[in-house]
């Protein structure tokens, strides 16, 4: 029996409403180079094994793509080129723009 395949919108919804998964995506999508579980764990303050498990889940869902690091041969991750990754990337941009806008407005109000 085949496994359930989630639509891009279903996966994006799951990621966008789970703060930790969204933060992992922010870390991976913000880097030009590949990202290891150890880096994600360090940035987010979580266990490396847990970070790896969540990265693999995002890979399974098509958000990330696992790649072999040419330097040490370890598994690393980068954004995939699938529709779900594009949806999440757009949401990251949107949320960052809102944060910047809020910072500017709060600076104006303080003055």
PDB file of N, CA and C in Angstrom:
ATOM      1  N   UNK A   1       0.845  -1.182   0.000  1.00  0.00           N
ATOM      2  CA  UNK A   1       0.000   0.000   0.000  1.00  0.00           C
ATOM      3  C   UNK A   1       0.894   1.251   0.000  1.00  0.00           C
ATOM      4  N   UNK A   2       0.679   2.176  -0.935  1.00  0.00           N
ATOM      5  CA  UNK A   2       1.545   3.357  -1.020  1.00  0.00           C
ATOM      6  C   UNK A   2       1.350   4.303   0.169  1.00  0.00           C
ATOM      7  N   UNK A   3       2.422   4.995   0.493  1.00  0.00           N
ATOM      8  CA  UNK A   3       2.361   5.979   1.571  1.00  0.00           C
ATOM      9  C   UNK A   3       1.572   7.195   1.108  1.00  0.00           C
ATOM     10  N   UNK A   4       1.009   7.895   2.079  1.00  0.00           N
ATOM     11  CA  UNK A   4       0.254   9.106   1.767  1.00  0.00           C
ATOM     12  C   UNK A   4       1.197  10.189   1.257  1.00  0.00           C
ATOM     13  N   UNK A   5       0.845  10.804   0.169  1.00  0.00           N
ATOM     14  CA  UNK A   5       1.625  11.910  -0.375  1.00  0.00           C
ATOM     15  C   UNK A   5       0.902  13.207  -0.055  1.00  0.00           C
ATOM     16  N   UNK A   6       1.563  14.070   0.683  1.00  0.00           N
ATOM     17  CA  UNK A   6       0.970  15.353   1.039  1.00  0.00           C
ATOM     18  C   UNK A   6       1.110  16.330  -0.119  1.00  0.00           C
ATOM     19  N   UNK A   7       0.123  17.191  -0.295  1.00  0.00           N
ATOM     20  CA  UNK A   7       0.237  18.232  -1.306  1.00  0.00           C
ATOM     21  C   UNK A   7       1.199  19.302  -0.785  1.00  0.00           C
ATOM     22  N   UNK A   8       1.710  20.101  -1.694  1.00  0.00           N
ATOM     23  CA  UNK A   8       2.635  21.178  -1.311  1.00  0.00           C
ATOM     24  C   UNK A   8       1.977  22.112  -0.304  1.00  0.00           C
ATOM     25  N   UNK A   9       0.700  22.382  -0.487  1.00  0.00           N
ATOM     26  CA  UNK A   9      -0.014  23.291   0.415  1.00  0.00           C
ATOM     27  C   UNK A   9      -0.166  22.689   1.807  1.00  0.00           C
ATOM     28  N   UNK A  10      -0.437  21.367   1.877  1.00  0.00           N
ATOM     29  CA  UNK A  10      -0.559  20.693   3.175  1.00  0.00           C
ATOM     30  C   UNK A  10       0.763  20.736   3.941  1.00  0.00           C
ATOM     31  N   UNK A  11       1.844  20.446   3.253  1.00  0.00           N
ATOM     32  CA  UNK A  11       3.160  20.454   3.890  1.00  0.00           C
ATOM     33  C   UNK A  11       3.516  21.871   4.332  1.00  0.00           C
ATOM     34  N   UNK A  12       3.303  22.838   3.458  1.00  0.00           N
ATOM     35  CA  UNK A  12       3.608  24.227   3.807  1.00  0.00           C
ATOM     36  C   UNK A  12       2.815  24.644   5.041  1.00  0.00           C
ATOM     37  N   UNK A  13       1.559  24.260   5.105  1.00  0.00           N
ATOM     38  CA  UNK A  13       0.726  24.583   6.269  1.00  0.00           C
ATOM     39  C   UNK A  13       1.319  23.979   7.537  1.00  0.00           C
ATOM     40  N   UNK A  14       1.729  22.722   7.474  1.00  0.00           N
ATOM     41  CA  UNK A  14       2.321  22.054   8.638  1.00  0.00           C
ATOM     42  C   UNK A  14       3.589  22.772   9.094  1.00  0.00           C
ATOM     43  N   UNK A  15       4.434  23.144   8.157  1.00  0.00           N
ATOM     44  CA  UNK A  15       5.699  23.802   8.492  1.00  0.00           C
ATOM     45  C   UNK A  15       5.455  25.208   9.030  1.00  0.00           C
ATOM     46  N   UNK A  16       4.582  25.956   8.397  1.00  0.00           N
ATOM     47  CA  UNK A  16       4.353  27.347   8.789  1.00  0.00           C
ATOM     48  C   UNK A  16       3.698  27.471  10.157  1.00  0.00           C
ATOM     49  N   UNK A  17       2.989  26.454  10.586  1.00  0.00           N
ATOM     50  CA  UNK A  17       2.320  26.522  11.879  1.00  0.00           C
ATOM     51  C   UNK A  17       3.040  25.734  12.972  1.00  0.00           C
ATOM     52  N   UNK A  18       4.212  25.206  12.670  1.00  0.00           N
ATOM     53  CA  UNK A  18       5.069  24.582  13.682  1.00  0.00           C
ATOM     54  C   UNK A  18       6.307  25.469  13.788  1.00  0.00           C
ATOM     55  N   UNK A  19       6.403  26.194  14.880  1.00  0.00           N
ATOM     56  CA  UNK A  19       7.461  27.186  15.028  1.00  0.00           C
ATOM     57  C   UNK A  19       8.857  26.594  14.825  1.00  0.00           C
ATOM     58  N   UNK A  20       9.111  25.415  15.375  1.00  0.00           N
ATOM     59  CA  UNK A  20      10.440  24.817  15.261  1.00  0.00           C
ATOM     60  C   UNK A  20      10.760  24.433  13.815  1.00  0.00           C
ATOM     61  N   UNK A  21       9.822  23.815  13.120  1.00  0.00           N
ATOM     62  CA  UNK A  21      10.067  23.464  11.720  1.00  0.00           C
ATOM     63  C   UNK A  21      10.291  24.716  10.877  1.00  0.00           C
ATOM     64  N   UNK A  22       9.523  25.765  11.159  1.00  0.00           N
ATOM     65  CA  UNK A  22       9.694  27.010  10.416  1.00  0.00           C
ATOM     66  C   UNK A  22      11.081  27.610  10.684  1.00  0.00           C
ATOM     67  N   UNK A  23      11.517  27.587  11.946  1.00  0.00           N
ATOM     68  CA  UNK A  23      12.847  28.130  12.276  1.00  0.00           C
ATOM     69  C   UNK A  23      13.956  27.335  11.603  1.00  0.00           C
ATOM     70  N   UNK A  24      13.788  26.025  11.527  1.00  0.00           N
ATOM     71  CA  UNK A  24      14.777  25.197  10.822  1.00  0.00           C
ATOM     72  C   UNK A  24      14.848  25.617   9.359  1.00  0.00           C
ATOM     73  N   UNK A  25      13.694  25.826   8.751  1.00  0.00           N
ATOM     74  CA  UNK A  25      13.663  26.277   7.356  1.00  0.00           C
ATOM     75  C   UNK A  25      14.340  27.635   7.210  1.00  0.00           C
ATOM     76  N   UNK A  26      14.100  28.537   8.157  1.00  0.00           N
ATOM     77  CA  UNK A  26      14.757  29.843   8.108  1.00  0.00           C
ATOM     78  C   UNK A  26      16.276  29.695   8.119  1.00  0.00           C
ATOM     79  N   UNK A  27      16.787  28.818   8.976  1.00  0.00           N
ATOM     80  CA  UNK A  27      18.235  28.606   9.057  1.00  0.00           C
ATOM     81  C   UNK A  27      18.759  28.071   7.732  1.00  0.00           C
ATOM     82  N   UNK A  28      18.138  27.041   7.204  1.00  0.00           N
ATOM     83  CA  UNK A  28      18.619  26.406   5.972  1.00  0.00           C
ATOM     84  C   UNK A  28      18.458  27.333   4.767  1.00  0.00           C
ATOM     85  N   UNK A  29      17.318  28.003   4.664  1.00  0.00           N
ATOM     86  CA  UNK A  29      17.050  28.857   3.507  1.00  0.00           C
ATOM     87  C   UNK A  29      17.898  30.130   3.526  1.00  0.00           C
ATOM     88  N   UNK A  30      18.392  30.535   4.696  1.00  0.00           N
ATOM     89  CA  UNK A  30      19.166  31.780   4.777  1.00  0.00           C
ATOM     90  C   UNK A  30      20.636  31.587   4.419  1.00  0.00           C
ATOM     91  N   UNK A  31      21.078  30.352   4.276  1.00  0.00           N
ATOM     92  CA  UNK A  31      22.490  30.064   3.983  1.00  0.00           C
ATOM     93  C   UNK A  31      22.680  29.781   2.501  1.00  0.00           C
ATOM     94  N   UNK A  32      23.780  30.270   1.980  1.00  0.00           N
ATOM     95  CA  UNK A  32      24.109  29.979   0.582  1.00  0.00           C
ATOM     96  C   UNK A  32      24.745  28.597   0.451  1.00  0.00           C
ATOM     97  N   UNK A  33      25.412  28.145   1.514  1.00  0.00           N
ATOM     98  CA  UNK A  33      26.054  26.835   1.494  1.00  0.00           C
ATOM     99  C   UNK A  33      25.151  25.802   2.161  1.00  0.00           C
ATOM    100  N   UNK A  34      25.545  24.546   2.045  1.00  0.00           N
ATOM    101  CA  UNK A  34      24.768  23.466   2.660  1.00  0.00           C
ATOM    102  C   UNK A  34      24.867  23.576   4.186  1.00  0.00           C
ATOM    103  N   UNK A  35      23.864  23.019   4.865  1.00  0.00           N
ATOM    104  CA  UNK A  35      23.772  23.142   6.321  1.00  0.00           C
ATOM    105  C   UNK A  35      23.709  21.751   6.945  1.00  0.00           C
ATOM    106  N   UNK A  36      24.497  21.557   8.005  1.00  0.00           N
ATOM    107  CA  UNK A  36      24.503  20.292   8.745  1.00  0.00           C
ATOM    108  C   UNK A  36      23.574  20.374   9.948  1.00  0.00           C
ATOM    109  N   UNK A  37      23.181  19.222  10.435  1.00  0.00           N
ATOM    110  CA  UNK A  37      22.319  19.148  11.620  1.00  0.00           C
ATOM    111  C   UNK A  37      22.987  19.825  12.813  1.00  0.00           C
ATOM    112  N   UNK A  38      24.296  19.727  12.918  1.00  0.00           N
ATOM    113  CA  UNK A  38      25.005  20.338  14.049  1.00  0.00           C
ATOM    114  C   UNK A  38      24.849  21.853  14.054  1.00  0.00           C
ATOM    115  N   UNK A  39      24.852  22.464  12.879  1.00  0.00           N
ATOM    116  CA  UNK A  39      24.681  23.917  12.788  1.00  0.00           C
ATOM    117  C   UNK A  39      23.257  24.321  13.175  1.00  0.00           C
ATOM    118  N   UNK A  40      22.281  23.571  12.691  1.00  0.00           N
ATOM    119  CA  UNK A  40      20.886  23.848  13.039  1.00  0.00           C
ATOM    120  C   UNK A  40      20.698  23.710  14.547  1.00  0.00           C
ATOM    121  N   UNK A  41      21.254  22.646  15.113  1.00  0.00           N
ATOM    122  CA  UNK A  41      21.136  22.397  16.549  1.00  0.00           C
ATOM    123  C   UNK A  41      21.745  23.540  17.353  1.00  0.00           C
ATOM    124  N   UNK A  42      22.903  24.006  16.919  1.00  0.00           N
ATOM    125  CA  UNK A  42      23.592  25.089  17.631  1.00  0.00           C
ATOM    126  C   UNK A  42      22.791  26.388  17.565  1.00  0.00           C
ATOM    127  N   UNK A  43      22.313  26.735  16.391  1.00  0.00           N
ATOM    128  CA  UNK A  43      21.561  27.981  16.208  1.00  0.00           C
ATOM    129  C   UNK A  43      20.266  27.967  17.017  1.00  0.00           C
ATOM    130  N   UNK A  44      19.570  26.832  17.036  1.00  0.00           N
ATOM    131  CA  UNK A  44      18.261  26.756  17.688  1.00  0.00           C
ATOM    132  C   UNK A  44      18.322  26.252  19.129  1.00  0.00           C
ATOM    133  N   UNK A  45      19.494  25.814  19.560  1.00  0.00           N
ATOM    134  CA  UNK A  45      19.636  25.331  20.927  1.00  0.00           C
ATOM    135  C   UNK A  45      18.919  24.017  21.187  1.00  0.00           C
ATOM    136  N   UNK A  46      18.976  23.111  20.213  1.00  0.00           N
ATOM    137  CA  UNK A  46      18.345  21.804  20.375  1.00  0.00           C
ATOM    138  C   UNK A  46      19.397  20.719  20.194  1.00  0.00           C
ATOM    139  N   UNK A  47      19.052  19.499  20.552  1.00  0.00           N
ATOM    140  CA  UNK A  47      19.921  18.339  20.429  1.00  0.00           C
ATOM    141  C   UNK A  47      20.208  18.044  18.949  1.00  0.00           C
ATOM    142  N   UNK A  48      21.435  17.648  18.638  1.00  0.00           N
ATOM    143  CA  UNK A  48      21.823  17.366  17.248  1.00  0.00           C
ATOM    144  C   UNK A  48      20.973  16.242  16.648  1.00  0.00           C
ATOM    145  N   UNK A  49      20.731  15.201  17.432  1.00  0.00           N
ATOM    146  CA  UNK A  49      19.923  14.086  16.937  1.00  0.00           C
ATOM    147  C   UNK A  49      18.507  14.508  16.592  1.00  0.00           C
ATOM    148  N   UNK A  50      17.939  15.381  17.423  1.00  0.00           N
ATOM    149  CA  UNK A  50      16.592  15.883  17.174  1.00  0.00           C
ATOM    150  C   UNK A  50      16.580  16.771  15.930  1.00  0.00           C
ATOM    151  N   UNK A  51      17.599  17.616  15.799  1.00  0.00           N
ATOM    152  CA  UNK A  51      17.711  18.474  14.610  1.00  0.00           C
ATOM    153  C   UNK A  51      17.797  17.610  13.354  1.00  0.00           C
ATOM    154  N   UNK A  52      18.608  16.547  13.416  1.00  0.00           N
ATOM    155  CA  UNK A  52      18.764  15.652  12.272  1.00  0.00           C
ATOM    156  C   UNK A  52      17.434  14.992  11.919  1.00  0.00           C
ATOM    157  N   UNK A  53      16.705  14.541  12.935  1.00  0.00           N
ATOM    158  CA  UNK A  53      15.408  13.898  12.711  1.00  0.00           C
ATOM    159  C   UNK A  53      14.438  14.856  12.018  1.00  0.00           C
ATOM    160  N   UNK A  54      14.399  16.111  12.469  1.00  0.00           N
ATOM    161  CA  UNK A  54      13.495  17.092  11.863  1.00  0.00           C
ATOM    162  C   UNK A  54      13.936  17.463  10.448  1.00  0.00           C
ATOM    163  N   UNK A  55      15.238  17.562  10.231  1.00  0.00           N
ATOM    164  CA  UNK A  55      15.752  17.836   8.885  1.00  0.00           C
ATOM    165  C   UNK A  55      15.365  16.707   7.928  1.00  0.00           C
ATOM    166  N   UNK A  56      15.461  15.470   8.396  1.00  0.00           N
ATOM    167  CA  UNK A  56      15.081  14.325   7.553  1.00  0.00           C
ATOM    168  C   UNK A  56      13.583  14.335   7.256  1.00  0.00           C
ATOM    169  N   UNK A  57      12.776  14.769   8.244  1.00  0.00           N
ATOM    170  CA  UNK A  57      11.330  14.868   8.023  1.00  0.00           C
ATOM    171  C   UNK A  57      11.053  15.906   6.933  1.00  0.00           C
ATOM    172  N   UNK A  58      11.729  17.047   7.011  1.00  0.00           N
ATOM    173  CA  UNK A  58      11.553  18.096   6.001  1.00  0.00           C
ATOM    174  C   UNK A  58      12.035  17.624   4.633  1.00  0.00           C
ATOM    175  N   UNK A  59      13.062  16.791   4.635  1.00  0.00           N
ATOM    176  CA  UNK A  59      13.541  16.210   3.377  1.00  0.00           C
ATOM    177  C   UNK A  59      12.476  15.265   2.804  1.00  0.00           C
ATOM    178  N   UNK A  60      11.904  14.429   3.652  1.00  0.00           N
ATOM    179  CA  UNK A  60      10.868  13.486   3.216  1.00  0.00           C
ATOM    180  C   UNK A  60       9.671  14.221   2.638  1.00  0.00           C
ATOM    181  N   UNK A  61       9.343  15.352   3.219  1.00  0.00           N
ATOM    182  CA  UNK A  61       8.204  16.148   2.759  1.00  0.00           C
ATOM    183  C   UNK A  61       8.521  16.974   1.517  1.00  0.00           C
ATOM    184  N   UNK A  62       9.780  16.996   1.084  1.00  0.00           N
ATOM    185  CA  UNK A  62      10.146  17.725  -0.123  1.00  0.00           C
ATOM    186  C   UNK A  62      10.522  19.179   0.090  1.00  0.00           C
ATOM    187  N   UNK A  63      10.654  19.590   1.354  1.00  0.00           N
ATOM    188  CA  UNK A  63      11.028  20.975   1.654  1.00  0.00           C
ATOM    189  C   UNK A  63      12.531  21.158   1.471  1.00  0.00           C
ATOM    190  N   UNK A  64      13.292  20.179   1.940  1.00  0.00           N
ATOM    191  CA  UNK A  64      14.743  20.217   1.853  1.00  0.00           C
ATOM    192  C   UNK A  64      15.241  19.078   0.978  1.00  0.00           C
ATOM    193  N   UNK A  65      16.491  19.208   0.582  1.00  0.00           N
ATOM    194  CA  UNK A  65      17.145  18.152  -0.181  1.00  0.00           C
ATOM    195  C   UNK A  65      18.420  17.763   0.545  1.00  0.00           C
ATOM    196  N   UNK A  66      18.581  16.489   0.801  1.00  0.00           N
ATOM    197  CA  UNK A  66      19.797  16.004   1.435  1.00  0.00           C
ATOM    198  C   UNK A  66      20.896  15.863   0.401  1.00  0.00           C
ATOM    199  N   UNK A  67      22.092  16.321   0.751  1.00  0.00           N
ATOM    200  CA  UNK A  67      23.243  16.224  -0.148  1.00  0.00           C
ATOM    201  C   UNK A  67      24.459  15.757   0.643  1.00  0.00           C
ATOM    202  N   UNK A  68      25.347  15.079  -0.015  1.00  0.00           N
ATOM    203  CA  UNK A  68      26.572  14.615   0.617  1.00  0.00           C
ATOM    204  C   UNK A  68      27.583  15.762   0.609  1.00  0.00           C
ATOM    205  N   UNK A  69      28.095  16.101   1.786  1.00  0.00           N
ATOM    206  CA  UNK A  69      29.092  17.162   1.896  1.00  0.00           C
ATOM    207  C   UNK A  69      30.376  16.677   1.231  1.00  0.00           C
ATOM    208  N   UNK A  70      30.885  17.388   0.223  1.00  0.00           N
ATOM    209  CA  UNK A  70      32.093  16.939  -0.476  1.00  0.00           C
ATOM    210  C   UNK A  70      33.346  16.981   0.413  1.00  0.00           C
ATOM    211  N   UNK A  71      33.304  17.764   1.473  1.00  0.00           N
ATOM    212  CA  UNK A  71      34.466  17.894   2.362  1.00  0.00           C
ATOM    213  C   UNK A  71      34.600  16.699   3.293  1.00  0.00           C
ATOM    214  N   UNK A  72      33.501  16.329   3.961  1.00  0.00           N
ATOM    215  CA  UNK A  72      33.600  15.265   4.964  1.00  0.00           C
ATOM    216  C   UNK A  72      32.680  14.074   4.696  1.00  0.00           C
ATOM    217  N   UNK A  73      31.891  14.124   3.645  1.00  0.00           N
ATOM    218  CA  UNK A  73      31.025  13.013   3.290  1.00  0.00           C
ATOM    219  C   UNK A  73      29.754  12.891   4.111  1.00  0.00           C
ATOM    220  N   UNK A  74      29.548  13.805   5.059  1.00  0.00           N
ATOM    221  CA  UNK A  74      28.359  13.752   5.902  1.00  0.00           C
ATOM    222  C   UNK A  74      27.148  14.296   5.154  1.00  0.00           C
ATOM    223  N   UNK A  75      25.969  13.876   5.618  1.00  0.00           N
ATOM    224  CA  UNK A  75      24.737  14.361   5.030  1.00  0.00           C
ATOM    225  C   UNK A  75      24.488  15.795   5.479  1.00  0.00           C
ATOM    226  N   UNK A  76      24.213  16.654   4.524  1.00  0.00           N
ATOM    227  CA  UNK A  76      23.891  18.055   4.797  1.00  0.00           C
ATOM    228  C   UNK A  76      22.622  18.370   4.011  1.00  0.00           C
ATOM    229  N   UNK A  77      22.102  19.567   4.230  1.00  0.00           N
ATOM    230  CA  UNK A  77      20.808  19.901   3.637  1.00  0.00           C
ATOM    231  C   UNK A  77      20.832  21.266   2.971  1.00  0.00           C
ATOM    232  N   UNK A  78      19.960  21.395   1.976  1.00  0.00           N
ATOM    233  CA  UNK A  78      19.734  22.669   1.306  1.00  0.00           C
ATOM    234  C   UNK A  78      18.277  22.696   0.867  1.00  0.00           C
ATOM    235  N   UNK A  79      17.756  23.872   0.548  1.00  0.00           N
ATOM    236  CA  UNK A  79      16.357  23.926   0.098  1.00  0.00           C
ATOM    237  C   UNK A  79      16.170  23.112  -1.183  1.00  0.00           C
ATOM    238  N   UNK A  80      15.030  22.476  -1.292  1.00  0.00           N
ATOM    239  CA  UNK A  80      14.741  21.748  -2.528  1.00  0.00           C
ATOM    240  C   UNK A  80      14.250  22.752  -3.570  1.00  0.00           C
ATOM    241  N   UNK A  81      14.034  22.282  -4.764  1.00  0.00           N
ATOM    242  CA  UNK A  81      13.501  23.159  -5.809  1.00  0.00           C
ATOM    243  C   UNK A  81      12.040  22.839  -6.092  1.00  0.00           C
ATOM    244  N   UNK A  82      11.378  22.211  -5.129  1.00  0.00           N
ATOM    245  CA  UNK A  82       9.976  21.843  -5.295  1.00  0.00           C
ATOM    246  C   UNK A  82       9.066  22.993  -4.882  1.00  0.00           C
ATOM    247  N   UNK A  83       7.806  22.875  -5.267  1.00  0.00           N
ATOM    248  CA  UNK A  83       6.822  23.928  -5.020  1.00  0.00           C
ATOM    249  C   UNK A  83       6.695  24.255  -3.533  1.00  0.00           C
ATOM    250  N   UNK A  84       6.709  23.242  -2.672  1.00  0.00           N
ATOM    251  CA  UNK A  84       6.559  23.474  -1.239  1.00  0.00           C
ATOM    252  C   UNK A  84       7.691  24.352  -0.705  1.00  0.00           C
ATOM    253  N   UNK A  85       8.898  24.149  -1.184  1.00  0.00           N
ATOM    254  CA  UNK A  85      10.033  24.976  -0.750  1.00  0.00           C
ATOM    255  C   UNK A  85       9.851  26.419  -1.210  1.00  0.00           C
ATOM    256  N   UNK A  86       9.300  26.611  -2.388  1.00  0.00           N
ATOM    257  CA  UNK A  86       9.045  27.963  -2.887  1.00  0.00           C
ATOM    258  C   UNK A  86       7.993  28.670  -2.040  1.00  0.00           C
ATOM    259  N   UNK A  87       6.955  27.937  -1.632  1.00  0.00           N
ATOM    260  CA  UNK A  87       5.912  28.518  -0.778  1.00  0.00           C
ATOM    261  C   UNK A  87       6.511  28.961   0.551  1.00  0.00           C
ATOM    262  N   UNK A  88       7.340  28.116   1.143  1.00  0.00           N
ATOM    263  CA  UNK A  88       7.950  28.433   2.435  1.00  0.00           C
ATOM    264  C   UNK A  88       8.940  29.580   2.298  1.00  0.00           C
ATOM    265  N   UNK A  89       9.718  29.601   1.225  1.00  0.00           N
ATOM    266  CA  UNK A  89      10.661  30.698   1.002  1.00  0.00           C
ATOM    267  C   UNK A  89       9.934  32.033   0.899  1.00  0.00           C
ATOM    268  N   UNK A  90       8.809  32.048   0.211  1.00  0.00           N
ATOM    269  CA  UNK A  90       8.018  33.280   0.094  1.00  0.00           C
ATOM    270  C   UNK A  90       7.494  33.726   1.458  1.00  0.00           C
ATOM    271  N   UNK A  91       7.075  32.780   2.281  1.00  0.00           N
ATOM    272  CA  UNK A  91       6.579  33.121   3.614  1.00  0.00           C
ATOM    273  C   UNK A  91       7.705  33.661   4.501  1.00  0.00           C
ATOM    274  N   UNK A  92       8.890  33.098   4.379  1.00  0.00           N
ATOM    275  CA  UNK A  92      10.045  33.609   5.138  1.00  0.00           C
ATOM    276  C   UNK A  92      10.311  35.054   4.740  1.00  0.00           C
ATOM    277  N   UNK A  93      10.323  35.336   3.444  1.00  0.00           N
ATOM    278  CA  UNK A  93      10.540  36.714   2.958  1.00  0.00           C
ATOM    279  C   UNK A  93       9.458  37.651   3.486  1.00  0.00           C
ATOM    280  N   UNK A  94       8.220  37.205   3.437  1.00  0.00           N
ATOM    281  CA  UNK A  94       7.099  38.014   3.893  1.00  0.00           C
ATOM    282  C   UNK A  94       7.223  38.335   5.380  1.00  0.00           C
ATOM    283  N   UNK A  95       7.534  37.315   6.181  1.00  0.00           N
ATOM    284  CA  UNK A  95       7.655  37.530   7.628  1.00  0.00           C
ATOM    285  C   UNK A  95       8.837  38.435   7.964  1.00  0.00           C
ATOM    286  N   UNK A  96       9.933  38.300   7.254  1.00  0.00           N
ATOM    287  CA  UNK A  96      11.096  39.179   7.486  1.00  0.00           C
ATOM    288  C   UNK A  96      10.757  40.617   7.125  1.00  0.00           C
ATOM    289  N   UNK A  97      10.044  40.810   6.029  1.00  0.00           N
ATOM    290  CA  UNK A  97       9.637  42.160   5.628  1.00  0.00           C
ATOM    291  C   UNK A  97       8.729  42.775   6.686  1.00  0.00           C
ATOM    292  N   UNK A  98       7.829  41.971   7.245  1.00  0.00           N
ATOM    293  CA  UNK A  98       6.947  42.469   8.302  1.00  0.00           C
ATOM    294  C   UNK A  98       7.739  42.836   9.556  1.00  0.00           C
ATOM    295  N   UNK A  99       8.742  42.028   9.912  1.00  0.00           N
ATOM    296  CA  UNK A  99       9.581  42.321  11.079  1.00  0.00           C
ATOM    297  C   UNK A  99      10.322  43.643  10.880  1.00  0.00           C
ATOM    298  N   UNK A 100      10.872  43.847   9.699  1.00  0.00           N
ATOM    299  CA  UNK A 100      11.604  45.082   9.409  1.00  0.00           C
ATOM    300  C   UNK A 100      10.660  46.272   9.458  1.00  0.00           C
ATOM    301  N   UNK A 101       9.489  46.115   8.885  1.00  0.00           N
ATOM    302  CA  UNK A 101       8.492  47.176   8.906  1.00  0.00           C
ATOM    303  C   UNK A 101       8.092  47.528  10.340  1.00  0.00           C
ATOM    304  N   UNK A 102       7.886  46.506  11.170  1.00  0.00           N
ATOM    305  CA  UNK A 102       7.537  46.735  12.570  1.00  0.00           C
ATOM    306  C   UNK A 102       8.663  47.453  13.314  1.00  0.00           C
ATOM    307  N   UNK A 103       9.910  47.089  13.026  1.00  0.00           N
ATOM    308  CA  UNK A 103      11.057  47.747  13.674  1.00  0.00           C
ATOM    309  C   UNK A 103      11.117  49.218  13.284  1.00  0.00           C
ATOM    310  N   UNK A 104      10.900  49.508  12.018  1.00  0.00           N
ATOM    311  CA  UNK A 104      10.937  50.897  11.540  1.00  0.00           C
ATOM    312  C   UNK A 104       9.819  51.696  12.188  1.00  0.00           C
ATOM    313  N   UNK A 105       8.625  51.118  12.234  1.00  0.00           N
ATOM    314  CA  UNK A 105       7.501  51.816  12.863  1.00  0.00           C
ATOM    315  C   UNK A 105       7.733  52.067  14.338  1.00  0.00           C
ATOM    316  N   UNK A 106       8.317  51.101  15.038  1.00  0.00           N
ATOM    317  CA  UNK A 106       8.562  51.300  16.467  1.00  0.00           C
ATOM    318  C   UNK A 106       9.628  52.368  16.701  1.00  0.00           C
ATOM    319  N   UNK A 107      10.609  52.465  15.803  1.00  0.00           N
ATOM    320  CA  UNK A 107      11.620  53.525  15.902  1.00  0.00           C
ATOM    321  C   UNK A 107      10.987  54.898  15.682  1.00  0.00           C
ATOM    322  N   UNK A 108      10.062  54.989  14.731  1.00  0.00           N
ATOM    323  CA  UNK A 108       9.393  56.260  14.455  1.00  0.00           C
ATOM    324  C   UNK A 108       8.525  56.667  15.635  1.00  0.00           C
ATOM    325  N   UNK A 109       7.815  55.705  16.210  1.00  0.00           N
ATOM    326  CA  UNK A 109       6.931  55.992  17.348  1.00  0.00           C
ATOM    327  C   UNK A 109       7.748  56.427  18.570  1.00  0.00           C
ATOM    328  N   UNK A 110       8.905  55.816  18.800  1.00  0.00           N
ATOM    329  CA  UNK A 110       9.753  56.167  19.939  1.00  0.00           C
ATOM    330  C   UNK A 110      10.297  57.585  19.821  1.00  0.00           C
ATOM    331  N   UNK A 111      10.483  58.080  18.626  1.00  0.00           N
ATOM    332  CA  UNK A 111      11.051  59.421  18.425  1.00  0.00           C
ATOM    333  C   UNK A 111       9.964  60.407  18.561  1.00  0.00           C
TER     334      UNK A 111
END
